[in-house]
Amino acid sequence: MIKVPASFNGRFITRHLFRHYFNNGNISEINRGRCYDWAYMAYRLFPNVSLWTTDYHAWVEAKDRHWDSETHKGVVNFMRLRCNERNTSPHCPPWDEQEPVIMNLYDFKNFWDRFGRGHRRHWGTLLESNLKDTLGKRYSEMTPIFEEAT
């Protein structure tokens, strides 16, 4: 059984819930289409996590720092996330229409169902199943304290 850290740990999420990317050294690929999945997992596993998004990227804020799959130590300024740095030019921020905003879980899921790449409305079927498979018996004790995942 996997022991979940008591406080936020982004590397734990990447290592155990995105194993294929982690094992193949492709963690930057998570931020090219599954960043909102990674942020959702962080929100589901750890208390006191805020969901952030633009129209190009999703990440979390925890412990007064911003985190995504590539940022294992967090950054104070969300613009310093590697994905945001990669997609920023001198005169253009890394978003088109949606400026950075904190969203509640319901709005976050609706936003990414509409604008995300790949899977739609997969929160319960794909992501919760992954959490259950990874956590095993710990799933029921780790997740009920959080906002309903529907």
Protein backbone atom coordinates (compact mmCIF):
# COMPACT_ATOMS: atom_id res chain seq x y z
CA MET A 1 0.00 0.00 0.00
CA ILE A 2 1.28 3.46 -0.88
CA LYS A 3 1.81 5.89 1.97
CA VAL A 4 0.41 9.29 1.06
CA PRO A 5 2.41 12.24 2.44
CA ALA A 6 0.74 14.18 5.26
CA SER A 7 1.27 17.52 3.49
CA PHE A 8 1.23 18.56 -0.15
CA ASN A 9 3.77 16.79 -2.35
CA GLY A 10 3.60 17.36 -6.10
CA ARG A 11 6.24 14.76 -6.89
CA PHE A 12 4.07 12.13 -5.18
CA ILE A 13 1.20 12.92 -7.57
CA THR A 14 3.41 12.71 -10.65
CA ARG A 15 5.25 9.59 -9.50
CA HIS A 16 2.23 7.53 -8.46
CA LEU A 17 -0.71 8.85 -10.49
CA PHE A 18 1.12 9.60 -13.75
CA ARG A 19 3.56 6.67 -13.63
CA HIS A 20 3.97 6.30 -17.38
CA TYR A 21 5.14 9.91 -17.74
CA PHE A 22 7.34 9.71 -14.63
CA ASN A 23 8.98 6.39 -15.54
CA ASN A 24 9.72 7.54 -19.08
CA GLY A 25 11.09 10.93 -18.03
CA ASN A 26 8.29 12.78 -19.86
CA ILE A 27 6.73 14.79 -17.04
CA SER A 28 6.59 17.94 -19.18
CA GLU A 29 4.11 16.06 -21.41
CA ILE A 30 1.59 16.12 -18.55
CA ASN A 31 1.48 19.89 -19.01
CA ARG A 32 0.65 19.44 -22.69
CA GLY A 33 -2.87 18.16 -22.24
CA ARG A 34 -3.28 16.63 -18.78
CA CYS A 35 -2.34 19.52 -16.50
CA TYR A 36 -5.95 19.82 -15.35
CA ASP A 37 -5.95 16.12 -14.45
CA TRP A 38 -2.80 16.62 -12.40
CA ALA A 39 -4.31 19.65 -10.63
CA TYR A 40 -7.51 17.70 -9.93
CA MET A 41 -5.53 14.86 -8.34
CA ALA A 42 -3.67 17.36 -6.16
CA TYR A 43 -6.95 18.88 -5.06
CA ARG A 44 -8.49 15.48 -4.28
CA LEU A 45 -5.53 14.20 -2.27
CA PHE A 46 -4.40 17.15 -0.20
CA PRO A 47 -6.31 19.63 1.95
CA ASN A 48 -5.82 23.38 1.56
CA VAL A 49 -5.14 23.22 -2.18
CA SER A 50 -6.53 25.88 -4.53
CA LEU A 51 -7.21 25.16 -8.20
CA TRP A 52 -5.82 27.77 -10.62
CA THR A 53 -6.35 27.98 -14.35
CA THR A 54 -5.92 29.95 -17.53
CA ASP A 55 -7.19 28.83 -20.92
CA TYR A 56 -3.84 27.07 -21.51
CA HIS A 57 -2.74 25.71 -18.17
CA ALA A 58 -4.02 24.44 -14.83
CA TRP A 59 -2.04 24.22 -11.59
CA VAL A 60 -2.54 24.39 -7.84
CA GLU A 61 -1.54 26.61 -4.99
CA ALA A 62 -0.54 24.99 -1.72
CA LYS A 63 1.71 26.12 1.10
CA ASP A 64 1.83 29.64 -0.42
CA ARG A 65 3.46 28.29 -3.59
CA HIS A 66 2.27 27.33 -7.08
CA TRP A 67 2.78 23.78 -8.34
CA ASP A 68 2.33 21.74 -11.50
CA SER A 69 3.72 18.40 -12.66
CA GLU A 70 7.12 19.87 -13.53
CA THR A 71 7.55 22.10 -10.49
CA HIS A 72 8.47 19.87 -7.56
CA LYS A 73 9.57 22.62 -5.19
CA GLY A 74 6.83 25.08 -6.11
CA VAL A 75 7.26 28.73 -7.05
CA VAL A 76 5.97 31.90 -5.42
CA ASN A 77 4.98 33.54 -8.72
CA PHE A 78 2.81 31.38 -11.00
CA MET A 79 4.48 32.93 -14.05
CA ARG A 80 7.65 31.02 -13.00
CA LEU A 81 5.98 27.63 -13.59
CA ARG A 82 7.94 25.97 -16.40
CA CYS A 83 4.85 25.59 -18.57
CA ASN A 84 4.00 29.27 -18.22
CA GLU A 85 7.61 30.24 -18.96
CA ARG A 86 7.65 28.03 -22.07
CA ASN A 87 4.50 29.62 -23.43
CA THR A 88 5.36 33.26 -22.70
CA SER A 89 6.86 35.61 -25.24
CA PRO A 90 8.07 39.12 -24.35
CA HIS A 91 4.79 40.75 -25.36
CA CYS A 92 2.32 37.93 -24.83
CA PRO A 93 1.21 36.22 -21.61
CA PRO A 94 0.62 32.43 -21.57
CA TRP A 95 -3.16 32.78 -22.01
CA ASP A 96 -5.56 34.17 -24.58
CA GLU A 97 -8.97 34.66 -23.03
CA GLN A 98 -8.92 33.35 -19.46
CA GLU A 99 -6.54 35.26 -17.22
CA PRO A 100 -5.23 33.35 -14.18
CA VAL A 101 -8.04 32.69 -11.73
CA ILE A 102 -8.77 30.47 -8.74
CA MET A 103 -11.77 28.23 -9.41
CA ASN A 104 -13.90 26.03 -7.20
CA LEU A 105 -14.05 22.37 -8.18
CA TYR A 106 -17.38 22.63 -9.99
CA ASP A 107 -16.29 25.56 -12.18
CA PHE A 108 -12.88 24.00 -12.79
CA LYS A 109 -14.39 20.75 -14.05
CA ASN A 110 -16.91 22.56 -16.25
CA PHE A 111 -14.20 24.82 -17.69
CA TRP A 112 -11.90 21.95 -18.60
CA ASP A 113 -14.75 19.77 -19.90
CA ARG A 114 -15.33 22.57 -22.39
CA PHE A 115 -11.76 23.64 -23.19
CA GLY A 116 -9.58 20.66 -22.33
CA ARG A 117 -7.91 18.34 -24.79
CA GLY A 118 -8.72 14.68 -24.95
CA HIS A 119 -11.07 13.29 -22.34
CA ARG A 120 -14.30 15.05 -21.42
CA ARG A 121 -16.34 14.42 -18.29
CA HIS A 122 -13.81 11.82 -17.18
CA TRP A 123 -13.43 12.96 -13.58
CA GLY A 124 -15.29 10.02 -12.03
CA THR A 125 -14.59 7.28 -14.54
CA LEU A 126 -10.91 7.82 -15.31
CA LEU A 127 -9.42 9.95 -12.54
CA GLU A 128 -11.31 8.61 -9.54
CA SER A 129 -10.66 5.06 -10.77
CA ASN A 130 -6.95 5.89 -10.94
CA LEU A 131 -7.07 7.24 -7.38
CA LYS A 132 -8.86 4.09 -6.16
CA ASP A 133 -6.38 1.80 -7.92
CA THR A 134 -3.38 3.72 -6.58
CA LEU A 135 -4.54 4.19 -3.00
CA GLY A 136 -6.30 0.84 -2.60
CA LYS A 137 -7.92 0.56 0.83
CA ARG A 138 -6.68 4.04 1.73
CA TYR A 139 -8.95 5.63 -0.92
CA SER A 140 -12.00 5.73 1.34
CA GLU A 141 -10.06 7.25 4.22
CA MET A 142 -8.11 9.75 2.10
CA THR A 143 -10.84 11.34 -0.02
CA PRO A 144 -14.16 11.75 1.82
CA ILE A 145 -13.08 14.93 3.59
CA PHE A 146 -12.91 16.79 0.28
CA GLU A 147 -15.63 18.40 -1.78
CA GLU A 148 -17.80 15.90 -3.66
CA ALA A 149 -16.05 14.82 -6.86
CA THR A 150 -19.14 14.69 -9.09
